[in-house]
Protein backbone atom coordinates (compact mmCIF):
# COMPACT_ATOMS: atom_id res chain seq x y z
CA MET A 1 0.00 0.00 0.00
CA LYS A 2 2.78 2.41 0.96
CA LYS A 3 4.71 1.67 -2.25
CA ARG A 4 1.61 2.18 -4.35
CA PHE A 5 0.91 5.49 -2.64
CA LEU A 6 4.50 6.74 -3.11
CA LYS A 7 4.35 5.68 -6.74
CA ALA A 8 1.04 7.55 -7.16
CA LEU A 9 2.65 10.69 -5.75
CA GLN A 10 5.11 10.63 -8.65
CA ASP A 11 2.16 11.32 -10.94
CA LYS A 12 1.94 15.10 -11.46
CA ASP A 13 -1.87 15.24 -11.40
CA PHE A 14 -2.29 13.05 -8.32
CA SER A 15 0.46 14.94 -6.52
CA GLU A 16 -1.30 18.25 -7.19
CA ILE A 17 -4.69 16.87 -6.09
CA PHE A 18 -3.20 15.34 -2.95
CA ASN A 19 -1.04 18.29 -1.90
CA LYS A 20 -3.51 21.07 -2.63
CA GLY A 21 -6.44 18.89 -1.59
CA SER A 22 -4.69 18.20 1.73
CA MET A 23 -4.31 21.92 2.36
CA SER A 24 -7.96 22.43 1.47
CA PHE A 25 -8.87 19.51 3.75
CA LEU A 26 -7.08 21.10 6.71
CA MET A 27 -8.78 24.42 6.01
CA ARG A 28 -12.13 22.67 5.77
CA VAL A 29 -11.53 20.91 9.09
CA GLY A 30 -10.60 24.25 10.65
CA GLY A 31 -13.72 25.82 9.21
CA GLN A 32 -15.91 23.01 10.53
CA ILE A 33 -14.41 23.36 14.00
CA ILE A 34 -14.96 27.13 14.02
CA GLY A 35 -18.45 26.62 12.61
CA PHE A 36 -19.31 24.20 15.40
CA ILE A 37 -17.96 26.65 17.98
CA PHE A 38 -20.16 29.39 16.50
CA THR A 39 -23.21 27.08 16.45
CA PHE A 40 -22.40 25.85 19.96
CA ILE A 41 -22.31 29.42 21.32
CA ILE A 42 -25.70 30.24 19.74
CA ALA A 43 -27.22 26.96 20.98
CA ARG A 44 -25.89 27.36 24.52
CA PHE A 45 -26.74 31.05 24.97
CA PHE A 46 -29.89 31.34 22.85
CA GLY A 47 -31.26 27.75 22.74
CA ALA A 48 -32.61 25.65 19.87
CA LYS A 49 -35.20 28.32 19.01
CA GLY A 50 -32.57 31.09 18.89
CA LEU A 51 -30.43 28.92 16.62
CA GLY A 52 -33.46 28.15 14.43
CA ASP A 53 -34.38 31.84 14.07
CA TYR A 54 -30.79 32.63 13.06
CA VAL A 55 -30.63 29.75 10.54
CA LEU A 56 -33.93 30.70 8.85
CA ALA A 57 -32.86 34.34 8.45
CA ILE A 58 -29.51 33.36 6.95
CA ILE A 59 -31.18 30.95 4.52
CA VAL A 60 -33.31 33.80 3.16
CA LEU A 61 -30.16 35.92 2.67
CA ARG A 62 -28.51 33.00 0.86
CA ILE A 63 -31.52 32.57 -1.44
CA PHE A 64 -31.52 36.22 -2.52
CA SER A 65 -27.72 36.24 -2.89
CA LEU A 66 -27.90 33.11 -5.04
CA ILE A 67 -30.39 34.77 -7.39
CA SER A 68 -28.39 38.03 -7.52
CA LYS A 69 -25.21 36.19 -8.63
CA LEU A 70 -26.96 34.64 -11.64
CA GLY A 71 -24.43 31.78 -11.50
CA MET A 72 -21.54 34.16 -12.25
CA ASP A 73 -19.53 32.95 -9.26
CA ILE A 74 -19.31 29.38 -10.62
CA ALA A 75 -18.87 30.63 -14.19
CA SER A 76 -15.91 32.66 -12.91
CA ILE A 77 -14.03 29.45 -12.08
CA ARG A 78 -14.23 28.39 -15.74
CA PHE A 79 -13.53 31.80 -17.27
CA ILE A 80 -10.67 32.68 -14.94
CA ALA A 81 -9.07 29.21 -15.11
CA SER A 82 -9.06 29.34 -18.93
CA PHE A 83 -7.58 32.88 -19.00
CA SER A 84 -5.10 32.05 -16.25
CA ILE A 85 -3.53 29.12 -18.12
CA LYS A 86 -2.85 31.48 -21.06
CA GLN A 87 -1.66 34.25 -18.69
CA HIS A 88 -4.31 36.64 -19.99
CA TRP A 89 -4.62 38.67 -16.79
CA ASN A 90 -6.13 41.74 -18.45
CA GLN A 91 -8.94 39.54 -19.72
CA ILE A 92 -9.67 38.49 -16.14
CA ILE A 93 -9.82 42.15 -15.06
CA ALA A 94 -12.20 43.01 -17.93
CA TYR A 95 -14.38 40.01 -17.15
CA ARG A 96 -14.57 40.88 -13.44
CA LYS A 97 -15.52 44.51 -14.14
CA GLN A 98 -18.49 43.42 -16.23
CA VAL A 99 -19.57 40.85 -13.66
CA ILE A 100 -19.49 43.43 -10.84
CA ARG A 101 -21.58 45.84 -12.94
CA ILE A 102 -24.24 43.16 -13.41
CA LEU A 103 -24.01 42.23 -9.73
CA GLY A 104 -24.52 45.82 -8.64
CA LEU A 105 -27.79 46.06 -10.56
CA THR A 106 -29.20 42.68 -9.50
CA THR A 107 -28.40 43.19 -5.81
CA ILE A 108 -30.16 46.60 -5.67
CA ILE A 109 -33.32 45.11 -7.18
CA LEU A 110 -33.30 42.05 -4.92
CA SER A 111 -32.51 44.07 -1.78
CA LEU A 112 -35.62 46.18 -2.38
CA ILE A 113 -37.75 43.07 -2.94
CA MET A 114 -36.40 41.35 0.17
CA TYR A 115 -36.94 44.42 2.37
CA PHE A 116 -40.48 45.29 1.28
CA PHE A 117 -41.68 41.67 1.19
CA ALA A 118 -40.03 40.69 4.48
CA GLU A 119 -43.33 40.17 6.29
CA PRO A 120 -44.91 37.59 3.92
CA ILE A 121 -41.54 35.81 3.61
CA ALA A 122 -41.24 35.59 7.40
CA LEU A 123 -44.82 34.36 7.74
CA LEU A 124 -44.23 31.63 5.15
CA ILE A 125 -41.16 30.10 6.82
CA GLY A 126 -41.67 31.04 10.48
CA ALA A 127 -38.78 33.54 10.60
CA LYS A 128 -38.47 36.98 12.23
CA VAL A 129 -39.45 39.95 10.03
CA SER A 130 -36.80 42.26 11.51
CA TYR A 131 -34.01 39.78 10.70
CA ILE A 132 -35.06 39.54 7.05
CA GLN A 133 -35.31 43.32 6.69
CA LEU A 134 -31.85 43.73 8.18
CA ASN A 135 -30.37 41.05 5.90
CA ALA A 136 -31.76 42.85 2.83
CA PHE A 137 -28.90 45.37 3.12
CA PHE A 138 -26.27 42.62 2.95
CA ILE A 139 -27.02 40.89 -0.35
CA PHE A 140 -24.21 42.71 -2.16
CA PRO A 141 -21.50 41.96 0.47
CA MET A 142 -22.55 38.29 0.48
CA SER A 143 -22.53 38.09 -3.33
CA ILE A 144 -19.19 39.87 -3.81
CA PHE A 145 -17.61 37.72 -1.08
CA ILE A 146 -18.65 34.51 -2.84
CA LEU A 147 -17.55 35.88 -6.22
CA ASN A 148 -14.14 36.74 -4.79
CA TYR A 149 -13.35 33.36 -3.30
CA GLN A 150 -14.58 31.50 -6.39
CA SER A 151 -12.37 33.77 -8.51
CA LEU A 152 -9.40 32.81 -6.32
CA ARG A 153 -10.36 29.19 -6.93
CA GLY A 154 -10.20 29.84 -10.68
CA LEU A 155 -6.64 31.14 -10.18
CA LYS A 156 -5.91 27.80 -8.40
CA LYS A 157 -5.09 29.66 -5.19
CA ILE A 158 -6.60 26.76 -3.30
CA ALA A 159 -5.27 27.58 0.17
CA THR A 160 -6.52 31.18 -0.11
CA PHE A 161 -9.85 30.04 -1.56
CA SER A 162 -10.24 27.50 1.24
CA PHE A 163 -9.47 30.09 3.90
CA PHE A 164 -12.09 32.52 2.63
CA ASN A 165 -14.68 29.88 1.80
CA TRP A 166 -14.52 27.89 5.00
CA ILE A 167 -12.74 29.88 7.69
CA SER A 168 -12.71 33.68 7.27
CA ARG A 169 -16.35 34.64 7.82
CA LEU A 170 -16.89 32.05 10.57
CA PHE A 171 -13.69 33.13 12.30
CA PHE A 172 -14.66 36.81 12.34
CA SER A 173 -18.24 36.00 13.38
CA THR A 174 -17.10 33.73 16.22
CA ILE A 175 -14.72 36.35 17.63
CA ILE A 176 -17.50 38.96 17.47
CA ILE A 177 -20.13 36.77 19.17
CA LEU A 178 -17.67 35.65 21.88
CA ILE A 179 -17.07 39.29 22.77
CA ALA A 180 -20.74 40.30 22.45
CA VAL A 181 -22.18 37.64 24.80
CA GLN A 182 -19.96 38.94 27.59
CA PHE A 183 -22.01 42.14 27.60
CA SER A 184 -25.49 41.20 26.36
CA LEU A 185 -27.74 38.25 25.47
CA ASP A 186 -29.94 40.21 23.09
CA ASP A 187 -31.65 37.84 20.61
CA ARG A 188 -30.16 39.79 17.67
CA ILE A 189 -26.53 39.12 18.61
CA PRO A 190 -26.12 35.96 16.43
CA ILE A 191 -27.37 37.73 13.30
CA PHE A 192 -25.28 40.86 14.03
CA ALA A 193 -22.18 38.70 14.53
CA PHE A 194 -22.79 36.92 11.21
CA LEU A 195 -23.28 40.15 9.25
CA LEU A 196 -20.26 41.94 10.73
CA GLY A 197 -18.11 38.87 10.07
CA LEU A 198 -19.41 38.83 6.49
CA ILE A 199 -18.41 42.48 5.90
CA LEU A 200 -14.88 41.87 7.19
CA ALA A 201 -14.48 38.73 5.06
CA ALA A 202 -15.83 40.46 1.92
CA VAL A 203 -13.40 43.38 2.25
CA ALA A 204 -10.43 41.09 2.93
CA SER A 205 -11.25 38.79 -0.02
CA GLN A 206 -11.51 41.77 -2.40
CA ILE A 207 -8.10 43.06 -1.31
CA ILE A 208 -6.44 39.63 -1.63
CA PHE A 209 -7.88 38.99 -5.11
CA LYS A 210 -6.66 42.39 -6.38
CA ILE A 211 -3.19 41.77 -4.93
CA ASN A 212 -3.01 38.38 -6.70
CA ILE A 213 -4.00 39.82 -10.07
CA GLN A 214 -1.70 42.84 -9.80
CA ARG A 215 1.24 40.62 -8.87
CA ARG A 216 0.65 38.38 -11.89
CA LEU A 217 0.27 41.36 -14.19
CA LYS A 218 3.59 42.72 -12.98
CA ASN A 219 5.38 39.39 -13.53
CA ASN A 220 3.66 38.55 -16.81
CA LYS A 221 6.06 37.48 -19.56
CA VAL A 222 3.37 36.79 -22.17
CA GLN A 223 2.53 39.56 -24.61
CA GLU A 224 -1.20 40.09 -24.22
CA LEU A 225 -3.54 41.29 -26.89
CA LEU A 226 -5.86 44.17 -26.02
CA SER A 227 -8.42 42.83 -23.56
CA LYS A 228 -11.79 42.27 -25.17
CA SER A 229 -14.94 43.63 -23.61
CA PHE A 230 -17.40 41.09 -22.27
CA ASN A 231 -21.00 41.69 -23.19
CA VAL A 232 -23.67 40.63 -20.73
CA ARG A 233 -25.02 37.93 -23.05
CA SER A 234 -21.70 36.08 -23.37
CA ILE A 235 -21.44 35.84 -19.58
CA LEU A 236 -25.06 34.91 -18.90
CA ILE A 237 -25.09 32.14 -21.54
CA VAL A 238 -22.61 30.29 -19.34
CA SER A 239 -23.74 31.51 -15.92
CA LEU A 240 -27.55 31.20 -16.02
CA PRO A 241 -27.66 27.40 -16.39
CA LEU A 242 -25.21 27.27 -13.48
CA MET A 243 -27.52 29.51 -11.44
CA PHE A 244 -30.45 27.19 -12.04
CA ALA A 245 -28.22 24.28 -11.11
CA GLN A 246 -27.15 26.11 -7.94
CA SER A 247 -30.82 26.73 -7.20
CA GLY A 248 -31.48 23.02 -7.36
CA GLN A 249 -28.49 22.37 -5.15
CA PHE A 250 -29.71 25.02 -2.73
CA VAL A 251 -33.14 23.39 -2.56
CA MET A 252 -31.45 20.08 -1.80
CA ALA A 253 -29.44 21.63 1.03
CA TRP A 254 -31.85 24.09 2.61
CA THR A 255 -35.50 23.30 1.73
CA ASP A 256 -35.83 20.85 4.60
CA LYS A 257 -34.97 23.60 7.12
CA LEU A 258 -37.28 26.15 5.51
CA MET A 259 -40.15 23.66 5.44
CA LEU A 260 -39.51 22.57 9.03
CA GLY A 261 -39.73 26.23 10.04
CA GLY A 262 -42.95 26.78 8.10
CA MET A 263 -44.66 23.49 8.99
CA ILE A 264 -43.42 22.94 12.55
CA ASP A 265 -41.28 25.62 14.29
CA SER A 266 -37.79 27.15 14.56
CA HIS A 267 -36.97 24.93 17.58
CA GLU A 268 -36.99 21.87 15.28
CA VAL A 269 -34.93 23.78 12.72
CA GLY A 270 -32.24 24.34 15.37
CA ILE A 271 -32.03 20.63 16.24
CA TYR A 272 -32.00 19.58 12.57
CA ASP A 273 -29.34 22.16 11.72
CA VAL A 274 -26.86 20.76 14.25
CA ALA A 275 -27.33 17.17 13.00
CA PHE A 276 -27.08 18.35 9.39
CA LYS A 277 -23.85 20.28 10.01
CA LEU A 278 -22.32 17.35 11.88
CA SER A 279 -23.03 15.03 8.93
CA MET A 280 -21.34 17.51 6.60
CA VAL A 281 -18.02 16.73 8.27
CA ILE A 282 -18.01 13.49 6.24
CA GLY A 283 -18.19 15.61 3.08
CA ILE A 284 -15.00 17.47 3.99
CA ALA A 285 -12.87 15.16 1.86
CA LEU A 286 -15.14 15.52 -1.17
CA THR A 287 -15.30 19.32 -1.01
CA SER A 288 -11.57 19.54 -0.36
CA VAL A 289 -10.69 17.41 -3.39
CA THR A 290 -13.21 19.16 -5.68
CA SER A 291 -11.79 22.55 -4.72
CA ILE A 292 -8.67 21.69 -6.73
CA THR A 293 -10.24 19.34 -9.30
CA SER A 294 -12.80 21.92 -10.53
CA PRO A 295 -10.24 24.18 -12.25
CA LYS A 296 -8.18 21.09 -13.12
CA PHE A 297 -11.10 19.45 -14.95
CA ALA A 298 -11.63 22.71 -16.88
CA GLU A 299 -7.92 22.92 -17.74
CA VAL A 300 -7.52 19.28 -18.84
CA TYR A 301 -10.75 19.33 -20.85
CA ALA A 302 -9.75 22.59 -22.58
CA ASN A 303 -6.55 20.83 -23.73
CA ASN A 304 -8.58 17.83 -25.07
CA GLU A 305 -6.63 15.39 -22.84
CA PHE A 306 -9.47 12.90 -22.35
CA ASN A 307 -7.40 9.96 -21.09
CA ARG A 308 -5.83 12.24 -18.53
CA LEU A 309 -9.29 13.50 -17.56
CA GLU A 310 -10.44 9.96 -16.73
CA LYS A 311 -7.29 9.37 -14.69
CA VAL A 312 -7.75 12.59 -12.69
CA VAL A 313 -11.42 11.75 -11.97
CA HIS A 314 -10.52 8.29 -10.64
CA GLN A 315 -7.69 9.71 -8.56
CA ALA A 316 -10.06 12.24 -7.01
CA THR A 317 -12.71 9.59 -6.26
CA LYS A 318 -10.31 7.21 -4.56
CA LEU A 319 -8.75 9.94 -2.46
CA THR A 320 -12.21 11.10 -1.39
CA VAL A 321 -13.40 7.62 -0.38
CA TRP A 322 -10.38 6.71 1.73
CA SER A 323 -10.47 10.10 3.45
CA SER A 324 -14.21 9.90 4.17
CA LEU A 325 -14.41 6.40 5.66
CA PRO A 326 -12.45 6.99 8.89
CA ILE A 327 -14.21 10.32 9.49
CA CYS A 328 -17.60 8.63 9.14
CA PHE A 329 -16.67 5.81 11.54
CA ILE A 330 -15.40 8.21 14.23
CA LEU A 331 -18.45 10.48 13.96
CA LEU A 332 -20.92 7.60 14.21
CA LEU A 333 -19.10 6.37 17.30
CA LEU A 334 -19.01 9.74 19.05
CA SER A 335 -22.27 11.30 17.78
CA PRO A 336 -24.29 10.92 21.04
CA ASN A 337 -21.61 12.78 22.99
CA ILE A 338 -21.11 15.45 20.32
CA LEU A 339 -24.84 16.18 19.96
CA GLY A 340 -25.19 16.28 23.73
CA LEU A 341 -22.64 19.09 23.97
CA PHE A 342 -25.11 21.48 22.35
CA GLY A 343 -27.80 20.69 24.93
CA ASN A 344 -30.18 17.85 25.79
CA ASP A 345 -32.68 18.89 23.09
CA PHE A 346 -30.14 18.29 20.35
CA GLN A 347 -29.81 14.56 21.08
CA GLU A 348 -33.17 14.20 19.34
CA GLY A 349 -31.23 14.64 16.09
CA GLN A 350 -29.31 11.36 16.30
CA LYS A 351 -31.48 9.42 13.82
CA VAL A 352 -31.30 12.38 11.46
CA PHE A 353 -27.52 12.35 11.73
CA PHE A 354 -27.28 8.60 10.94
CA MET A 355 -29.45 8.96 7.82
CA LEU A 356 -27.53 11.96 6.50
CA CYS A 357 -24.19 10.21 7.15
CA PHE A 358 -25.32 7.36 4.93
CA ALA A 359 -26.14 9.82 2.12
CA ARG A 360 -22.76 11.58 2.44
CA LEU A 361 -20.85 8.31 2.30
CA ILE A 362 -22.71 7.16 -0.83
CA THR A 363 -21.89 10.53 -2.42
CA ALA A 364 -18.18 9.98 -1.73
CA PHE A 365 -18.23 6.56 -3.45
CA LEU A 366 -20.04 7.94 -6.52
CA GLY A 367 -17.25 10.42 -7.25
CA PRO A 368 -17.12 14.00 -8.62
CA ALA A 369 -19.51 13.45 -11.54
CA ALA A 370 -21.44 16.67 -10.84
CA ASN A 371 -18.24 18.69 -10.72
CA LEU A 372 -17.03 17.10 -13.95
CA LEU A 373 -20.22 18.02 -15.82
CA GLN A 374 -20.11 21.61 -14.51
CA MET A 375 -16.52 22.24 -15.54
CA THR A 376 -16.73 20.72 -19.03
CA GLY A 377 -19.59 22.68 -20.59
CA ARG A 378 -22.32 20.25 -19.53
CA GLN A 379 -23.92 22.71 -17.13
CA LYS A 380 -27.36 22.23 -18.71
CA ILE A 381 -27.29 18.52 -17.89
CA TYR A 382 -26.17 19.37 -14.38
CA MET A 383 -28.96 21.94 -14.09
CA ASN A 384 -31.68 19.55 -15.30
CA VAL A 385 -30.64 16.78 -12.93
CA LEU A 386 -30.52 19.13 -9.97
CA ILE A 387 -33.94 20.58 -10.78
CA VAL A 388 -35.47 17.09 -10.87
CA GLY A 389 -33.67 16.24 -7.61
CA ALA A 390 -34.97 19.47 -6.05
CA ILE A 391 -38.55 18.63 -7.08
CA ILE A 392 -38.17 15.18 -5.52
CA ASN A 393 -36.77 16.77 -2.36
CA LEU A 394 -39.60 19.28 -2.17
CA GLY A 395 -42.28 16.63 -2.74
CA LEU A 396 -40.85 14.22 -0.18
CA ASN A 397 -40.58 16.99 2.42
CA LEU A 398 -44.22 17.93 1.85
CA ILE A 399 -45.22 14.29 2.36
CA LEU A 400 -42.90 13.30 5.20
CA ILE A 401 -42.55 16.35 7.49
CA PRO A 402 -46.20 16.61 8.72
CA GLU A 403 -46.79 14.83 12.04
CA ASN A 404 -49.67 12.73 10.69
CA ASN A 405 -48.43 11.43 7.35
CA LEU A 406 -48.59 8.03 5.67
CA PHE A 407 -45.29 6.97 7.26
CA SER A 408 -45.57 8.55 10.73
CA ASP A 409 -46.38 5.14 12.28
CA TYR A 410 -42.83 4.13 11.28
CA GLY A 411 -41.30 7.14 13.04
CA ILE A 412 -40.87 9.15 9.83
CA SER A 413 -42.15 12.68 10.44
CA GLY A 414 -40.76 16.06 11.48
CA ILE A 415 -36.96 16.17 11.42
CA GLU A 416 -36.74 12.43 10.61
CA GLY A 417 -39.03 12.96 7.61
CA ALA A 418 -36.88 15.83 6.41
CA ALA A 419 -33.77 13.63 6.74
CA VAL A 420 -35.34 10.82 4.68
CA ALA A 421 -36.31 13.36 1.98
CA SER A 422 -32.78 14.77 1.84
CA THR A 423 -31.16 11.32 1.79
CA CYS A 424 -33.33 10.00 -1.06
CA SER A 425 -32.98 13.11 -3.23
CA LEU A 426 -29.22 13.40 -2.61
CA ILE A 427 -28.62 9.79 -3.65
CA PHE A 428 -30.88 10.21 -6.70
CA TRP A 429 -29.11 13.24 -8.12
CA ASN A 430 -25.64 11.81 -7.53
CA LEU A 431 -26.56 8.57 -9.31
CA ALA A 432 -28.07 10.55 -12.19
CA MET A 433 -24.89 12.65 -12.49
CA VAL A 434 -22.82 9.45 -12.64
CA PHE A 435 -25.02 8.10 -15.43
CA TYR A 436 -24.72 11.27 -17.51
CA ALA A 437 -20.97 11.50 -16.93
CA LYS A 438 -20.66 7.94 -18.24
CA ARG A 439 -22.77 8.82 -21.30
CA GLU A 440 -20.77 11.97 -22.07
CA PHE A 441 -17.22 10.75 -21.37
CA GLY A 442 -17.39 6.98 -21.60
CA PHE A 443 -16.19 6.14 -18.07
CA TRP A 444 -17.70 5.69 -14.62
CA THR A 445 -16.75 8.09 -11.85
CA ILE A 446 -17.66 5.51 -9.17
CA TYR A 447 -14.87 4.18 -6.95
CA ASN A 448 -14.04 0.59 -7.87
CA PRO A 449 -11.78 -1.03 -5.20
CA VAL A 450 -11.09 -3.99 -7.52
CA LYS A 451 -9.62 -1.82 -10.28
CA VAL A 452 -6.05 -1.31 -9.09
CA ASN A 453 -5.03 1.22 -11.73
CA ASN A 454 -7.63 3.86 -10.93
CA VAL A 455 -5.05 6.02 -9.11
């Protein structure tokens, strides 16, 4: 095993995935730890209901930010990676200027909608009106922050991307809330801490991205042509399908919490949120590996190196599986103690945690098919699959969350019903992505332990 691993490290692609993926993994672990500390503080000082109110308000902000970005954050990975490999830094600057112009317009419109329709939105999902009105002023900072760290990902600055994506905002927010609870236990403290942390992270990410581009411009040895202007249509053709795909992904990740808030109460949302976040620890390996493989897939595909593309996909899948298995085992073993740390109420989420762990592990074994489709111009396929998965998720939540449903005699209702809905829809869309990846590229992304040469 050791010899095989050392031999694999001699492969340039695997070495890059392993080294940069390892850095991303460590950042992701750090982010998860800080995230749990932040959640723990809210749960301990403000209870399950306080945590639920906070979660529902942040979900609404995420929804409006997602729409405002129009998929341009994910499209930026592809555009910037393709310009970066050719050292066309002025093209990146021109592209970013046009994106920010579009973003400025969309965020103003959506901020007004979110503010003036805060009351019906809050009534629908069981959230606080004042929180939603406050969050309406922070759509632009949230959107520009996400755009910045995805742009850094396109430059293959994986450590920097990982820091901003998984650590920066949570770190700032945790420091702020730790200081604030020493002086007051006002219900608004969690949301204030989040928003202040977001502002600091957005400003820092903008500065770091500009420094990276200016440094590369200064050291550029390639004679660039005059940078072309990017019209809105050329950007949106790529980005809009990605936005719809992100919308489907968002539904898969957050609909259960919104529907729990609307159909039951924010107390249940708080319990479910802790179990959900704990299960996401298993996905650390997958997200860490895909953080480097996304631009790599785009780069290899752009060079028409299809045999190399298959090799990189299999390397990524195997690395993900063997990183996920021990994490899953440890979490399952310690889950009663970990959930209990947040308070006695949160131990009700143990069944939810077990179900979601199963879904995360299956996802790891199925490989980065979704990522592969996104980064190789198959975003419409990705979008269609996610929309179908989102519809399944929505339908199952409607059926399974109510206390008196067809399956409530089997203990499937409330947070357990939401967990079953998420598990089924998550497995469906991952299997569908695998099928389409096989159809488009001629190989399976699934980890095969029998096939010894898939590293």
